[in-house]
N, C-alpha and C. Protein backbone atom coordinates (compact mmCIF):
# COMPACT_ATOMS: atom_id res chain seq x y z
N MET A 1 -223.01 10.84 -50.58
CA MET A 1 -222.98 12.22 -50.18
C MET A 1 -221.81 12.91 -50.88
N LYS A 2 -222.05 14.06 -51.47
CA LYS A 2 -221.02 14.75 -52.23
C LYS A 2 -219.87 15.24 -51.36
N THR A 3 -220.14 15.59 -50.12
CA THR A 3 -219.08 16.14 -49.27
C THR A 3 -218.04 15.09 -48.91
N PHE A 4 -218.39 13.82 -48.93
CA PHE A 4 -217.42 12.77 -48.62
C PHE A 4 -216.47 12.50 -49.78
N ARG A 5 -216.69 13.13 -50.92
CA ARG A 5 -215.81 12.94 -52.07
C ARG A 5 -214.58 13.83 -52.01
N HIS A 6 -214.54 14.76 -51.09
CA HIS A 6 -213.44 15.71 -51.02
C HIS A 6 -212.35 15.22 -50.07
N ALA A 7 -211.12 15.54 -50.41
CA ALA A 7 -209.98 15.09 -49.62
C ALA A 7 -210.06 15.57 -48.18
N SER A 8 -210.55 16.78 -47.97
CA SER A 8 -210.62 17.31 -46.61
C SER A 8 -211.62 16.55 -45.75
N ALA A 9 -212.49 15.77 -46.36
CA ALA A 9 -213.42 14.93 -45.61
C ALA A 9 -212.87 13.53 -45.42
N ILE A 10 -212.14 13.02 -46.39
CA ILE A 10 -211.68 11.64 -46.36
C ILE A 10 -210.36 11.47 -45.61
N VAL A 11 -209.44 12.41 -45.78
CA VAL A 11 -208.11 12.27 -45.19
C VAL A 11 -208.16 12.11 -43.68
N PRO A 12 -208.93 12.92 -42.93
CA PRO A 12 -208.98 12.70 -41.48
C PRO A 12 -209.52 11.32 -41.10
N LEU A 13 -210.47 10.82 -41.87
CA LEU A 13 -210.98 9.47 -41.58
C LEU A 13 -209.89 8.42 -41.78
N LEU A 14 -209.15 8.55 -42.87
CA LEU A 14 -208.07 7.59 -43.13
C LEU A 14 -206.96 7.70 -42.08
N MET A 15 -206.68 8.93 -41.66
CA MET A 15 -205.65 9.11 -40.64
C MET A 15 -206.10 8.51 -39.30
N SER A 16 -207.36 8.67 -38.95
CA SER A 16 -207.88 8.08 -37.70
C SER A 16 -207.87 6.56 -37.78
N LEU A 17 -208.25 6.02 -38.92
CA LEU A 17 -208.22 4.57 -39.08
C LEU A 17 -206.80 4.03 -39.04
N SER A 18 -205.86 4.77 -39.59
CA SER A 18 -204.46 4.36 -39.53
C SER A 18 -203.95 4.40 -38.09
N ALA A 19 -204.32 5.43 -37.35
CA ALA A 19 -203.93 5.53 -35.95
C ALA A 19 -204.53 4.38 -35.14
N LEU A 20 -205.78 4.04 -35.42
CA LEU A 20 -206.42 2.91 -34.75
C LEU A 20 -205.70 1.61 -35.09
N ALA A 21 -205.33 1.43 -36.36
CA ALA A 21 -204.60 0.22 -36.76
C ALA A 21 -203.25 0.13 -36.06
N ILE A 22 -202.58 1.25 -35.88
CA ILE A 22 -201.29 1.25 -35.18
C ILE A 22 -201.49 0.83 -33.73
N VAL A 23 -202.50 1.37 -33.07
CA VAL A 23 -202.75 1.01 -31.66
C VAL A 23 -203.14 -0.45 -31.53
N LEU A 24 -204.03 -0.92 -32.40
CA LEU A 24 -204.44 -2.32 -32.33
C LEU A 24 -203.28 -3.26 -32.67
N GLY A 25 -202.46 -2.87 -33.62
CA GLY A 25 -201.27 -3.68 -33.93
C GLY A 25 -200.31 -3.72 -32.77
N TYR A 26 -200.11 -2.60 -32.11
CA TYR A 26 -199.24 -2.56 -30.93
C TYR A 26 -199.79 -3.46 -29.83
N LEU A 27 -201.11 -3.36 -29.61
CA LEU A 27 -201.72 -4.19 -28.58
C LEU A 27 -201.62 -5.68 -28.92
N ALA A 28 -201.75 -6.02 -30.18
CA ALA A 28 -201.66 -7.43 -30.59
C ALA A 28 -200.25 -7.96 -30.42
N LEU A 29 -199.26 -7.13 -30.68
CA LEU A 29 -197.87 -7.58 -30.58
C LEU A 29 -197.34 -7.58 -29.16
N TYR A 30 -197.63 -6.52 -28.40
CA TYR A 30 -196.99 -6.35 -27.09
C TYR A 30 -197.95 -6.40 -25.91
N GLY A 31 -199.22 -6.33 -26.17
CA GLY A 31 -200.19 -6.30 -25.09
C GLY A 31 -200.30 -4.91 -24.50
N PRO A 32 -201.16 -4.77 -23.51
CA PRO A 32 -201.38 -3.44 -22.93
C PRO A 32 -200.32 -3.06 -21.89
N VAL A 33 -199.08 -3.10 -22.28
CA VAL A 33 -197.97 -2.79 -21.39
C VAL A 33 -197.38 -1.44 -21.77
N ARG A 34 -197.23 -0.57 -20.79
CA ARG A 34 -196.60 0.73 -21.04
C ARG A 34 -195.10 0.52 -21.19
N GLN A 35 -194.54 1.17 -22.18
CA GLN A 35 -193.10 1.13 -22.39
C GLN A 35 -192.46 2.28 -21.62
N PRO A 36 -191.23 2.08 -21.11
CA PRO A 36 -190.58 3.18 -20.39
C PRO A 36 -190.27 4.37 -21.31
N ASP A 37 -190.06 4.10 -22.59
CA ASP A 37 -189.78 5.16 -23.55
C ASP A 37 -190.77 5.03 -24.70
N GLU A 38 -191.27 6.16 -25.18
CA GLU A 38 -192.19 6.10 -26.31
C GLU A 38 -191.47 5.57 -27.53
N GLY A 39 -192.11 4.66 -28.22
CA GLY A 39 -191.52 4.09 -29.41
C GLY A 39 -192.08 4.72 -30.67
N ALA A 40 -191.76 4.09 -31.78
CA ALA A 40 -192.19 4.60 -33.07
C ALA A 40 -193.72 4.57 -33.21
N ALA A 41 -194.35 3.55 -32.64
CA ALA A 41 -195.81 3.46 -32.75
C ALA A 41 -196.48 4.66 -32.07
N ALA A 42 -195.97 5.04 -30.91
CA ALA A 42 -196.56 6.18 -30.20
C ALA A 42 -196.37 7.48 -30.98
N HIS A 43 -195.19 7.64 -31.56
CA HIS A 43 -194.93 8.86 -32.33
C HIS A 43 -195.77 8.91 -33.61
N LEU A 44 -195.92 7.79 -34.28
CA LEU A 44 -196.79 7.75 -35.46
C LEU A 44 -198.24 8.06 -35.10
N PHE A 45 -198.69 7.49 -34.01
CA PHE A 45 -200.05 7.75 -33.54
C PHE A 45 -200.24 9.25 -33.29
N GLN A 46 -199.30 9.84 -32.57
CA GLN A 46 -199.41 11.27 -32.25
C GLN A 46 -199.41 12.13 -33.51
N TRP A 47 -198.54 11.82 -34.46
CA TRP A 47 -198.49 12.60 -35.70
C TRP A 47 -199.78 12.46 -36.50
N LEU A 48 -200.33 11.26 -36.52
CA LEU A 48 -201.58 11.06 -37.26
C LEU A 48 -202.74 11.81 -36.61
N ILE A 49 -202.80 11.81 -35.30
CA ILE A 49 -203.89 12.50 -34.60
C ILE A 49 -203.77 14.01 -34.79
N VAL A 50 -202.58 14.55 -34.56
CA VAL A 50 -202.41 16.00 -34.68
C VAL A 50 -202.44 16.43 -36.14
N GLY A 51 -201.95 15.60 -37.04
CA GLY A 51 -201.88 15.95 -38.45
C GLY A 51 -203.21 16.11 -39.13
N GLN A 52 -204.25 15.55 -38.54
CA GLN A 52 -205.56 15.69 -39.18
C GLN A 52 -206.26 16.99 -38.83
N LEU A 53 -205.76 17.70 -37.85
CA LEU A 53 -206.40 18.96 -37.45
C LEU A 53 -206.47 19.99 -38.58
N PRO A 54 -205.41 20.21 -39.37
CA PRO A 54 -205.55 21.16 -40.48
C PRO A 54 -206.61 20.75 -41.51
N PHE A 55 -206.73 19.46 -41.77
CA PHE A 55 -207.73 18.99 -42.72
C PHE A 55 -209.15 19.22 -42.19
N VAL A 56 -209.34 18.94 -40.90
CA VAL A 56 -210.66 19.14 -40.29
C VAL A 56 -211.00 20.63 -40.27
N ALA A 57 -210.03 21.46 -39.92
CA ALA A 57 -210.27 22.91 -39.89
C ALA A 57 -210.59 23.43 -41.28
N TYR A 58 -209.85 23.00 -42.29
CA TYR A 58 -210.14 23.43 -43.65
C TYR A 58 -211.54 22.99 -44.07
N PHE A 59 -211.88 21.75 -43.76
CA PHE A 59 -213.21 21.27 -44.11
C PHE A 59 -214.29 22.12 -43.43
N ALA A 60 -214.11 22.38 -42.15
CA ALA A 60 -215.12 23.14 -41.41
C ALA A 60 -215.26 24.55 -41.97
N PHE A 61 -214.16 25.22 -42.24
CA PHE A 61 -214.25 26.59 -42.75
C PHE A 61 -214.74 26.64 -44.19
N HIS A 62 -214.47 25.61 -44.95
CA HIS A 62 -214.86 25.61 -46.35
C HIS A 62 -216.30 25.15 -46.55
N TRP A 63 -216.73 24.09 -45.85
CA TRP A 63 -218.02 23.48 -46.13
C TRP A 63 -219.15 23.92 -45.21
N MET A 64 -218.85 24.35 -44.01
CA MET A 64 -219.94 24.73 -43.10
C MET A 64 -220.77 25.90 -43.64
N PRO A 65 -220.18 26.94 -44.24
CA PRO A 65 -221.02 28.00 -44.81
C PRO A 65 -221.85 27.53 -46.02
N LYS A 66 -221.31 26.59 -46.78
CA LYS A 66 -221.99 26.14 -48.00
C LYS A 66 -223.11 25.16 -47.71
N ALA A 67 -222.83 24.17 -46.89
CA ALA A 67 -223.80 23.11 -46.60
C ALA A 67 -223.68 22.71 -45.13
N PRO A 68 -224.32 23.46 -44.23
CA PRO A 68 -224.15 23.20 -42.80
C PRO A 68 -224.60 21.81 -42.35
N ALA A 69 -225.71 21.31 -42.86
CA ALA A 69 -226.20 20.01 -42.41
C ALA A 69 -225.26 18.89 -42.84
N ARG A 70 -224.86 18.90 -44.10
CA ARG A 70 -223.94 17.87 -44.58
C ARG A 70 -222.58 18.03 -43.92
N GLY A 71 -222.15 19.27 -43.72
CA GLY A 71 -220.87 19.52 -43.07
C GLY A 71 -220.84 18.99 -41.65
N LEU A 72 -221.93 19.19 -40.92
CA LEU A 72 -221.99 18.68 -39.55
C LEU A 72 -221.97 17.15 -39.52
N ARG A 73 -222.63 16.53 -40.48
CA ARG A 73 -222.60 15.06 -40.54
C ARG A 73 -221.18 14.55 -40.76
N VAL A 74 -220.47 15.18 -41.69
CA VAL A 74 -219.09 14.75 -41.98
C VAL A 74 -218.20 15.01 -40.77
N LEU A 75 -218.35 16.17 -40.14
CA LEU A 75 -217.56 16.45 -38.94
C LEU A 75 -217.87 15.47 -37.82
N GLY A 76 -219.13 15.07 -37.71
CA GLY A 76 -219.50 14.07 -36.72
C GLY A 76 -218.84 12.73 -36.98
N VAL A 77 -218.81 12.31 -38.23
CA VAL A 77 -218.15 11.05 -38.58
C VAL A 77 -216.65 11.15 -38.32
N GLN A 78 -216.05 12.29 -38.64
CA GLN A 78 -214.63 12.49 -38.38
C GLN A 78 -214.34 12.42 -36.88
N MET A 79 -215.21 13.01 -36.06
CA MET A 79 -215.01 12.98 -34.61
C MET A 79 -215.21 11.57 -34.06
N LEU A 80 -216.15 10.83 -34.60
CA LEU A 80 -216.33 9.43 -34.17
C LEU A 80 -215.10 8.59 -34.51
N ALA A 81 -214.54 8.81 -35.69
CA ALA A 81 -213.33 8.07 -36.07
C ALA A 81 -212.17 8.44 -35.15
N LEU A 82 -212.06 9.71 -34.80
CA LEU A 82 -211.01 10.16 -33.89
C LEU A 82 -211.20 9.54 -32.51
N ALA A 83 -212.43 9.51 -32.03
CA ALA A 83 -212.72 8.91 -30.73
C ALA A 83 -212.43 7.41 -30.74
N ALA A 84 -212.74 6.73 -31.84
CA ALA A 84 -212.45 5.30 -31.95
C ALA A 84 -210.96 5.04 -31.91
N ALA A 85 -210.17 5.93 -32.50
CA ALA A 85 -208.71 5.76 -32.49
C ALA A 85 -208.14 6.02 -31.10
N MET A 86 -208.73 6.94 -30.37
CA MET A 86 -208.19 7.30 -29.06
C MET A 86 -208.72 6.43 -27.92
N LEU A 87 -209.82 5.74 -28.14
CA LEU A 87 -210.43 4.93 -27.09
C LEU A 87 -209.50 3.85 -26.54
N PRO A 88 -208.84 3.04 -27.38
CA PRO A 88 -207.95 2.01 -26.81
C PRO A 88 -206.80 2.61 -26.01
N VAL A 89 -206.30 3.77 -26.43
CA VAL A 89 -205.23 4.41 -25.69
C VAL A 89 -205.71 4.83 -24.31
N ALA A 90 -206.91 5.34 -24.23
CA ALA A 90 -207.47 5.75 -22.95
C ALA A 90 -207.82 4.55 -22.07
N LEU A 91 -208.39 3.51 -22.68
CA LEU A 91 -208.79 2.34 -21.91
C LEU A 91 -207.59 1.58 -21.32
N PHE A 92 -206.56 1.43 -22.11
CA PHE A 92 -205.38 0.68 -21.66
C PHE A 92 -204.29 1.57 -21.08
N ARG A 93 -204.56 2.88 -21.02
CA ARG A 93 -203.61 3.86 -20.46
C ARG A 93 -202.22 3.72 -21.06
N LEU A 94 -202.20 3.71 -22.39
CA LEU A 94 -200.93 3.56 -23.09
C LEU A 94 -200.20 4.86 -23.20
């Protein structure tokens, strides 16, 4: 698909996968234990999640008028990746 070749489509996916890797790495090292103070892993996760919003917004405003069907597919994949990154945090209440 041509729309997946653009940075505004790929960067949010990579950021979500990185956030998921941080959460899974944290869980592997420390288990599902809440820390009294947020550590570096929590801050990196938060920056990665919030940091992808400008890329998603740019993609939506740029590609939705040009190719709505392909744009919706890419946005759907981006939202699935975001949900996958946030699911362990919600399940383990980290």
